[in-house]
Amino acid sequence: MLNELLRLQHKNPKKLIGLMSGTSADGIDACLVEISGNGIHTKINIHGFDTYPYDERTRTSILEACNPETGTVDKVCHLNFHLGRLFAQAAKSIANKAHIHINDIDLIGSHGQTIYHLPMLHATLQIGEPSVIAQETGVTTVADFRPRDMAAGGQGAPLVPYVDFILFRDKEKGRALQNIGGIANVTFLPPDCNINDILAFDTGPGNMLIDRIAELVTDNLSHFDEGGNLAAKGKVNNNLLASLLKHTYLSKSPPKTTGREEFGKPFADKFYKDAVHTGVKDIDILTTVTAFTAKTIADGYKQWILPKHYISEVILSGGGSYNNTLVKFLVQYIGTSIKVCPISDFGIAPNAKEALAFAILANETISGNPNNVPSATGAKEAVIMGKIIPGNP
């Protein structure tokens, strides 16, 4: 095993697959990338990306597992191995799509599926058993990144800022890397920054609240508002928006992270029920929560970034970047003086960024480099995150 790890450490370039399933629980993102070097010398060449949607039964099982009332130990135990097999299949599928044999893949980095996240208690759980991934693919797998940061006193999130620093730091521009997945998170890189200058935090809900309200207003015919087309037909209810903006998470100072525990189905269902009770139209509820996500992002900038820094540009990634109504609200709230552009302008598909990030984090783990950002997570020190499961000899 030691010889294999040393071989991987010194091989250059390497072919890696990054695997990610976010808080929206809609499927597995898989990114195949060739990586040369490590640390600030990292260079990437993306060979393929795809999303492998969960079937309805699996998605329902994940959402049940995330709920303390329905997520029984036996369900989580079974789902851990079931998702491991699905993650392995996603890895083999993306390799096949890129016309690269799985045996030629050097390393897999898997985030897994978050089931529960308790940042203030320094506890978290991601499933999608990496031993199954390594066994079924034969490829050495690095997974379970968050616990080591938490062991060092951090919140286990956000983890992508390290990758943002490697790929997007700029001598002259102050860049906000804004990901809008189930939860929205930002990494701000001041001009000519070092890793200790990074400011990163979860701004609040991303697609999570929008998706659930979309399910409710369409009688479950749609799990999301494609392109923001439904929200574009409604109006923002200012009273509802004001009530949402009173959420206690939004006034917390960084480092901070959030998740389904605060903005998931129970929160969305209660909000929807209360809004309907006051006579607000379904479509206006959806428009309002779309505006809410945009407003929390903009307010996060105004509270924690703009008092000390100038933002040259905002680079959008994640599924929310495809929601034109959400993006329109975001530009409106942050002001037209700040450039907003998709991460595709930099050659990375918006949905590929987080899967790519875990490939890069795995490369850092194998290289023996600390790969958390203590200023972002609140950890007491920089640590090497990720557990390594050997592949076939």
Protein backbone atom coordinates (compact mmCIF):
# COMPACT_ATOMS: atom_id res chain seq x y z
CA MET A 1 0.00 0.00 0.00
CA LEU A 2 2.75 2.45 0.94
CA ASN A 3 4.51 1.90 -2.38
CA GLU A 4 1.26 2.56 -4.25
CA LEU A 5 0.65 5.80 -2.34
CA LEU A 6 4.20 6.94 -3.05
CA ARG A 7 3.70 6.12 -6.73
CA LEU A 8 0.52 8.17 -6.82
CA GLN A 9 2.14 11.01 -4.94
CA HIS A 10 4.92 11.34 -7.47
CA LYS A 11 3.01 10.55 -10.66
CA ASN A 12 2.60 13.61 -12.85
CA PRO A 13 0.17 14.18 -14.46
CA LYS A 14 -2.60 12.13 -12.90
CA LYS A 15 -6.08 11.28 -14.15
CA LEU A 16 -8.68 11.80 -11.43
CA ILE A 17 -12.44 11.59 -11.07
CA GLY A 18 -14.25 13.88 -8.66
CA LEU A 19 -17.67 12.81 -7.36
CA MET A 20 -20.21 15.02 -5.62
CA SER A 21 -23.85 14.86 -4.56
CA GLY A 22 -25.13 18.09 -3.08
CA THR A 23 -27.84 19.10 -0.66
CA SER A 24 -30.40 19.19 -3.48
CA ALA A 25 -29.99 15.38 -3.68
CA ASP A 26 -30.83 15.30 -7.36
CA GLY A 27 -27.95 13.18 -8.61
CA ILE A 28 -24.21 12.51 -8.73
CA ASP A 29 -21.91 14.97 -10.48
CA ALA A 30 -18.82 13.31 -11.94
CA CYS A 31 -15.84 15.16 -13.39
CA LEU A 32 -12.85 13.50 -15.04
CA VAL A 33 -9.79 15.74 -15.01
CA GLU A 34 -6.08 15.47 -15.67
CA ILE A 35 -4.10 17.27 -12.96
CA SER A 36 -0.47 18.29 -13.16
CA GLY A 37 1.40 19.45 -10.08
CA ASN A 38 -0.17 20.33 -6.75
CA GLY A 39 -0.74 23.33 -4.51
CA ILE A 40 -0.42 26.68 -6.25
CA HIS A 41 1.34 24.91 -9.14
CA THR A 42 -1.79 22.88 -9.98
CA LYS A 43 -2.84 22.79 -13.63
CA ILE A 44 -6.04 21.14 -14.83
CA ASN A 45 -7.42 19.76 -18.07
CA ILE A 46 -11.04 18.61 -17.87
CA HIS A 47 -11.78 15.54 -20.00
CA GLY A 48 -15.43 15.05 -19.16
CA PHE A 49 -18.34 15.95 -16.90
CA ASP A 50 -21.86 14.61 -16.45
CA THR A 51 -24.63 14.39 -13.88
CA TYR A 52 -26.21 11.01 -13.16
CA PRO A 53 -29.70 11.68 -11.74
CA TYR A 54 -31.04 9.60 -8.87
CA ASP A 55 -34.16 7.61 -9.54
CA GLU A 56 -37.18 8.78 -7.57
CA ARG A 57 -36.91 6.00 -5.00
CA THR A 58 -33.27 6.79 -4.21
CA ARG A 59 -33.91 10.52 -3.96
CA THR A 60 -36.83 9.89 -1.61
CA SER A 61 -34.63 7.61 0.51
CA ILE A 62 -31.96 10.32 0.76
CA LEU A 63 -34.47 12.96 1.84
CA GLU A 64 -35.93 10.54 4.40
CA ALA A 65 -32.45 9.82 5.75
CA CYS A 66 -31.83 13.55 6.17
CA ASN A 67 -34.94 13.90 8.35
CA PRO A 68 -34.44 12.97 12.03
CA GLU A 69 -38.02 11.67 12.18
CA THR A 70 -37.62 9.23 9.27
CA GLY A 71 -33.84 8.70 8.99
CA THR A 72 -33.60 5.51 11.02
CA VAL A 73 -30.25 3.80 11.54
CA ASP A 74 -31.14 0.84 9.31
CA LYS A 75 -32.13 3.16 6.43
CA VAL A 76 -28.92 5.20 6.68
CA CYS A 77 -26.84 2.01 6.92
CA HIS A 78 -28.41 0.50 3.79
CA LEU A 79 -28.33 3.80 1.89
CA ASN A 80 -24.62 4.22 2.62
CA PHE A 81 -23.77 1.10 0.61
CA HIS A 82 -26.41 1.69 -2.05
CA LEU A 83 -24.99 5.15 -2.76
CA GLY A 84 -21.48 3.72 -2.75
CA ARG A 85 -22.48 1.49 -5.65
CA LEU A 86 -24.11 4.41 -7.48
CA PHE A 87 -21.01 6.56 -6.99
CA ALA A 88 -18.84 3.74 -8.35
CA GLN A 89 -21.13 3.42 -11.38
CA ALA A 90 -20.93 7.19 -11.95
CA ALA A 91 -17.12 6.99 -11.92
CA LYS A 92 -17.12 4.17 -14.46
CA SER A 93 -19.68 5.96 -16.60
CA ILE A 94 -17.76 9.24 -16.83
CA ALA A 95 -14.57 7.33 -17.66
CA ASN A 96 -16.42 5.50 -20.41
CA LYS A 97 -17.88 8.75 -21.73
CA ALA A 98 -14.38 10.23 -21.91
CA HIS A 99 -13.13 7.07 -23.69
CA ILE A 100 -10.71 6.34 -20.84
CA HIS A 101 -10.61 2.89 -19.25
CA ILE A 102 -11.33 2.93 -15.52
CA ASN A 103 -8.04 1.08 -14.96
CA ASP A 104 -6.25 4.16 -16.29
CA ILE A 105 -7.75 6.39 -13.60
CA ASP A 106 -5.23 7.12 -10.85
CA LEU A 107 -7.46 8.46 -8.12
CA ILE A 108 -11.09 9.17 -7.19
CA GLY A 109 -12.10 11.99 -4.85
CA SER A 110 -15.61 11.60 -3.43
CA HIS A 111 -17.50 14.06 -1.27
CA GLY A 112 -20.38 11.66 -0.76
CA GLN A 113 -23.91 12.68 0.20
CA THR A 114 -24.40 14.83 3.28
CA ILE A 115 -27.05 13.35 5.54
CA TYR A 116 -26.67 15.64 8.53
CA HIS A 117 -24.44 18.57 9.34
CA LEU A 118 -24.10 20.09 12.80
CA PRO A 119 -21.33 22.70 12.45
CA MET A 120 -21.66 24.22 15.91
CA LEU A 121 -21.29 20.76 17.45
CA HIS A 122 -18.36 19.92 15.14
CA ALA A 123 -20.21 16.90 13.79
CA THR A 124 -21.19 15.85 10.28
CA LEU A 125 -22.13 12.74 8.31
CA GLN A 126 -21.58 12.03 4.62
CA ILE A 127 -22.48 8.65 3.13
CA GLY A 128 -21.76 6.84 -0.12
CA GLU A 129 -19.38 4.19 1.17
CA PRO A 130 -15.91 4.84 -0.30
CA SER A 131 -14.81 1.25 0.32
CA VAL A 132 -17.48 0.19 -2.18
CA ILE A 133 -16.24 2.80 -4.67
CA ALA A 134 -12.66 1.56 -4.37
CA GLN A 135 -13.71 -2.09 -4.55
CA GLU A 136 -15.99 -1.75 -7.58
CA THR A 137 -13.71 0.56 -9.58
CA GLY A 138 -10.36 -0.78 -8.43
CA VAL A 139 -9.23 2.84 -8.02
CA THR A 140 -7.71 4.33 -4.86
CA THR A 141 -10.38 6.58 -3.38
CA VAL A 142 -10.10 9.61 -1.12
CA ALA A 143 -13.32 10.51 0.70
CA ASP A 144 -14.89 11.82 3.91
CA PHE A 145 -13.08 15.16 3.83
CA ARG A 146 -15.10 17.17 6.33
CA PRO A 147 -14.45 15.31 9.64
CA ARG A 148 -10.72 16.15 9.83
CA ASP A 149 -11.44 19.88 9.64
CA MET A 150 -14.06 19.44 12.35
CA ALA A 151 -11.59 17.50 14.49
CA ALA A 152 -9.36 20.57 14.25
CA GLY A 153 -12.17 22.78 15.57
CA GLY A 154 -13.63 23.82 12.22
CA GLN A 155 -17.17 23.63 10.85
CA GLY A 156 -16.20 21.17 8.11
CA ALA A 157 -17.31 23.65 5.48
CA PRO A 158 -16.88 25.37 3.16
CA LEU A 159 -14.22 23.15 1.56
CA VAL A 160 -14.12 24.56 -1.97
CA PRO A 161 -12.27 27.83 -1.04
CA TYR A 162 -8.92 26.02 -1.16
CA VAL A 163 -9.66 25.08 -4.78
CA ASP A 164 -10.95 28.57 -5.58
CA PHE A 165 -7.65 29.96 -4.34
CA ILE A 166 -5.65 27.58 -6.52
CA LEU A 167 -7.66 28.24 -9.68
CA PHE A 168 -8.93 31.82 -9.46
CA ARG A 169 -6.59 34.06 -7.46
CA ASP A 170 -5.63 37.16 -9.42
CA LYS A 171 -2.96 39.82 -8.97
CA GLU A 172 -5.33 42.73 -9.56
CA LYS A 173 -8.95 41.57 -9.25
CA GLY A 174 -11.00 40.92 -6.13
CA ARG A 175 -13.11 37.90 -7.09
CA ALA A 176 -16.22 36.47 -5.45
CA LEU A 177 -16.70 32.82 -6.44
CA GLN A 178 -20.42 32.31 -5.85
CA ASN A 179 -21.73 28.76 -5.95
CA ILE A 180 -25.50 28.29 -5.86
CA GLY A 181 -26.26 24.67 -5.12
CA GLY A 182 -28.80 23.52 -2.55
CA ILE A 183 -26.99 25.95 -0.25
CA ALA A 184 -25.28 29.08 -1.60
CA ASN A 185 -21.67 29.75 -0.65
CA VAL A 186 -19.12 32.38 -1.56
CA THR A 187 -15.34 32.49 -1.62
CA PHE A 188 -13.86 35.98 -1.79
CA LEU A 189 -10.28 36.27 -3.03
CA PRO A 190 -8.77 39.74 -2.49
CA PRO A 191 -6.28 40.94 -5.13
CA ASP A 192 -2.88 39.26 -4.87
CA CYS A 193 -4.05 37.28 -1.85
CA ASN A 194 -2.46 34.47 0.08
CA ILE A 195 -4.46 31.62 1.54
CA ASN A 196 -4.86 33.36 4.91
CA ASP A 197 -6.61 36.32 3.21
CA ILE A 198 -9.52 34.23 1.96
CA LEU A 199 -13.02 35.03 3.23
CA ALA A 200 -15.59 32.30 2.63
CA PHE A 201 -18.96 31.34 4.08
CA ASP A 202 -22.42 30.00 3.27
CA THR A 203 -24.59 32.98 2.37
CA GLY A 204 -27.78 31.00 3.04
CA PRO A 205 -30.16 28.87 0.97
CA GLY A 206 -29.42 28.38 -2.70
CA ASN A 207 -31.79 26.17 -4.69
CA MET A 208 -33.03 24.20 -1.68
CA LEU A 209 -35.93 26.45 -0.75
CA ILE A 210 -36.76 27.28 -4.38
CA ASP A 211 -36.85 23.59 -5.34
CA ARG A 212 -39.21 22.62 -2.52
CA ILE A 213 -41.59 25.50 -3.23
CA ALA A 214 -41.51 24.56 -6.93
CA GLU A 215 -42.61 21.04 -5.95
CA LEU A 216 -45.46 22.43 -3.87
CA VAL A 217 -46.77 24.89 -6.47
CA THR A 218 -46.63 22.28 -9.28
CA ASP A 219 -48.16 19.45 -7.20
CA ASN A 220 -44.82 17.64 -7.41
CA LEU A 221 -44.78 17.67 -11.21
CA SER A 222 -41.42 19.45 -11.12
CA HIS A 223 -38.58 19.24 -8.60
CA PHE A 224 -37.15 22.61 -9.62
CA ASP A 225 -38.01 25.79 -11.50
CA GLU A 226 -36.21 25.26 -14.80
CA GLY A 227 -34.56 28.48 -15.94
CA GLY A 228 -36.57 30.39 -13.34
CA ASN A 229 -39.41 30.45 -15.86
CA LEU A 230 -42.15 30.00 -13.26
CA ALA A 231 -40.75 32.61 -10.89
CA ALA A 232 -40.55 35.06 -13.78
CA LYS A 233 -44.36 35.05 -13.94
CA GLY A 234 -44.90 36.15 -10.36
CA LYS A 235 -44.23 39.16 -8.15
CA VAL A 236 -42.14 39.54 -5.01
CA ASN A 237 -44.26 39.85 -1.89
CA ASN A 238 -42.30 42.34 0.19
CA ASN A 239 -43.92 41.33 3.48
CA LEU A 240 -43.00 37.68 2.93
CA LEU A 241 -39.48 38.65 1.87
CA ALA A 242 -39.03 40.79 4.97
CA SER A 243 -40.11 37.90 7.20
CA LEU A 244 -37.64 35.53 5.51
CA LEU A 245 -34.81 38.02 5.95
CA LYS A 246 -35.28 37.86 9.73
CA HIS A 247 -33.85 34.33 9.81
CA THR A 248 -31.20 34.23 12.55
CA TYR A 249 -28.58 32.54 10.36
CA LEU A 250 -28.29 35.60 8.13
CA SER A 251 -27.01 37.89 10.90
CA LYS A 252 -24.32 35.45 12.10
CA SER A 253 -20.78 36.51 11.29
CA PRO A 254 -18.39 34.20 9.38
CA PRO A 255 -17.07 31.58 9.64
CA LYS A 256 -20.49 30.03 9.24
CA THR A 257 -22.16 27.19 7.37
CA THR A 258 -25.73 26.02 7.05
CA GLY A 259 -27.72 23.25 5.42
CA ARG A 260 -30.92 21.29 5.17
CA GLU A 261 -31.24 21.38 8.96
CA GLU A 262 -32.13 25.10 8.78
CA PHE A 263 -33.52 25.62 5.27
CA GLY A 264 -34.82 22.18 4.30
CA LYS A 265 -38.27 20.70 3.80
CA PRO A 266 -39.75 21.47 7.27
CA PHE A 267 -38.79 25.14 6.94
CA ALA A 268 -40.08 25.36 3.36
CA ASP A 269 -43.35 23.55 4.09
CA LYS A 270 -44.17 25.76 7.08
CA PHE A 271 -43.31 28.91 5.15
CA TYR A 272 -45.51 27.83 2.22
CA LYS A 273 -48.44 26.92 4.48
CA ASP A 274 -48.24 30.26 6.33
CA ALA A 275 -47.97 32.22 3.06
CA VAL A 276 -50.98 30.47 1.52
CA HIS A 277 -52.94 31.10 4.72
CA THR A 278 -52.34 34.84 4.33
CA GLY A 279 -53.70 34.73 0.79
CA VAL A 280 -50.47 34.96 -1.22
CA LYS A 281 -50.63 33.34 -4.66
CA ASP A 282 -48.53 30.22 -5.27
CA ILE A 283 -46.55 31.80 -8.07
CA ASP A 284 -45.74 34.86 -5.93
CA ILE A 285 -44.45 32.60 -3.15
CA LEU A 286 -42.03 31.02 -5.62
CA THR A 287 -40.92 34.41 -6.94
CA THR A 288 -40.40 35.65 -3.39
CA VAL A 289 -38.18 32.74 -2.31
CA THR A 290 -36.17 33.15 -5.51
CA ALA A 291 -35.65 36.81 -4.61
CA PHE A 292 -34.80 35.73 -1.05
CA THR A 293 -31.91 33.56 -2.21
CA ALA A 294 -30.54 36.43 -4.32
CA LYS A 295 -31.01 38.94 -1.49
CA THR A 296 -29.17 36.77 1.06
CA ILE A 297 -26.22 36.52 -1.32
CA ALA A 298 -26.13 40.27 -1.93
CA ASP A 299 -26.61 41.07 1.76
CA GLY A 300 -23.79 38.67 2.65
CA TYR A 301 -21.48 40.68 0.41
CA LYS A 302 -22.66 43.98 1.88
CA GLN A 303 -22.28 42.79 5.46
CA TRP A 304 -19.04 40.85 5.38
CA ILE A 305 -17.05 41.66 2.21
CA LEU A 306 -17.74 45.14 0.83
CA PRO A 307 -16.97 47.07 4.04
CA LYS A 308 -13.30 46.07 3.61
CA HIS A 309 -12.88 45.06 -0.04
CA TYR A 310 -13.90 45.94 -3.58
CA ILE A 311 -15.45 43.14 -5.61
CA SER A 312 -14.28 43.30 -9.24
CA GLU A 313 -16.39 40.39 -10.42
CA VAL A 314 -18.73 37.66 -9.27
CA ILE A 315 -18.20 34.26 -10.89
CA LEU A 316 -21.31 32.07 -10.72
CA SER A 317 -21.42 28.28 -10.55
CA GLY A 318 -23.88 25.60 -9.49
CA GLY A 319 -27.37 24.79 -10.70
CA GLY A 320 -28.70 28.15 -9.54
CA SER A 321 -26.60 29.90 -12.17
CA TYR A 322 -29.04 28.48 -14.76
CA ASN A 323 -31.99 30.18 -13.03
CA ASN A 324 -32.32 33.37 -15.04
CA THR A 325 -34.78 34.94 -12.62
CA LEU A 326 -32.46 34.29 -9.69
CA VAL A 327 -29.50 35.78 -11.57
CA LYS A 328 -31.61 38.81 -12.55
CA PHE A 329 -32.50 39.43 -8.90
CA LEU A 330 -28.85 38.99 -7.88
CA VAL A 331 -27.64 41.61 -10.36
CA GLN A 332 -30.40 43.93 -9.17
CA TYR A 333 -29.46 43.54 -5.50
CA ILE A 334 -25.67 43.77 -5.78
CA GLY A 335 -25.75 46.60 -8.35
CA THR A 336 -24.65 46.79 -11.95
CA SER A 337 -21.22 48.18 -11.04
CA ILE A 338 -20.06 44.66 -10.18
CA LYS A 339 -19.56 42.32 -13.12
CA VAL A 340 -21.44 39.01 -12.88
CA CYS A 341 -20.36 36.16 -15.18
CA PRO A 342 -20.76 32.38 -15.35
CA ILE A 343 -17.85 30.10 -14.52
CA SER A 344 -18.21 28.70 -18.04
CA ASP A 345 -16.34 31.84 -19.16
CA PHE A 346 -13.32 30.15 -17.54
CA GLY A 347 -13.84 26.81 -19.28
CA ILE A 348 -15.63 25.06 -16.40
CA ALA A 349 -19.28 23.93 -16.66
CA PRO A 350 -21.33 25.53 -13.84
CA ASN A 351 -22.43 22.16 -12.45
CA ALA A 352 -18.92 20.68 -12.70
CA LYS A 353 -17.16 22.94 -10.23
CA GLU A 354 -17.78 21.05 -7.00
CA ALA A 355 -17.03 17.61 -8.49
CA LEU A 356 -13.85 19.12 -9.94
CA ALA A 357 -13.05 20.54 -6.51
CA PHE A 358 -13.06 17.13 -4.85
CA ALA A 359 -10.75 15.74 -7.49
CA ILE A 360 -8.32 18.57 -6.73
CA LEU A 361 -8.73 18.11 -2.96
CA ALA A 362 -7.99 14.39 -3.37
CA ASN A 363 -4.83 15.26 -5.29
CA GLU A 364 -3.78 17.51 -2.41
CA THR A 365 -4.45 14.73 0.10
CA ILE A 366 -2.27 12.28 -1.82
CA SER A 367 0.39 14.98 -2.22
CA GLY A 368 0.51 15.42 1.56
CA ASN A 369 -0.70 19.03 1.49
CA PRO A 370 -3.07 20.59 4.03
CA ASN A 371 -6.24 21.34 2.07
CA ASN A 372 -8.61 23.18 4.36
CA VAL A 373 -8.78 26.96 4.82
CA PRO A 374 -8.93 27.73 8.55
CA SER A 375 -10.09 31.33 7.97
CA ALA A 376 -13.13 29.90 6.15
CA THR A 377 -13.98 26.93 8.38
CA GLY A 378 -12.85 28.23 11.74
CA ALA A 379 -10.37 25.38 12.23
CA LYS A 380 -7.50 25.98 14.64
CA GLU A 381 -4.95 24.85 12.08
CA ALA A 382 -4.45 23.68 8.50
CA VAL A 383 -4.89 19.91 8.18
CA ILE A 384 -4.82 17.22 5.51
CA MET A 385 -8.43 16.20 4.93
CA GLY A 386 -9.64 12.94 3.43
CA LYS A 387 -9.51 9.23 4.20
CA ILE A 388 -7.62 7.05 1.72
CA ILE A 389 -9.01 3.67 0.64
CA PRO A 390 -6.56 1.71 -1.56
CA GLY A 391 -7.69 0.38 -4.90
CA ASN A 392 -6.65 -2.88 -6.50
CA PRO A 393 -2.93 -3.77 -6.23
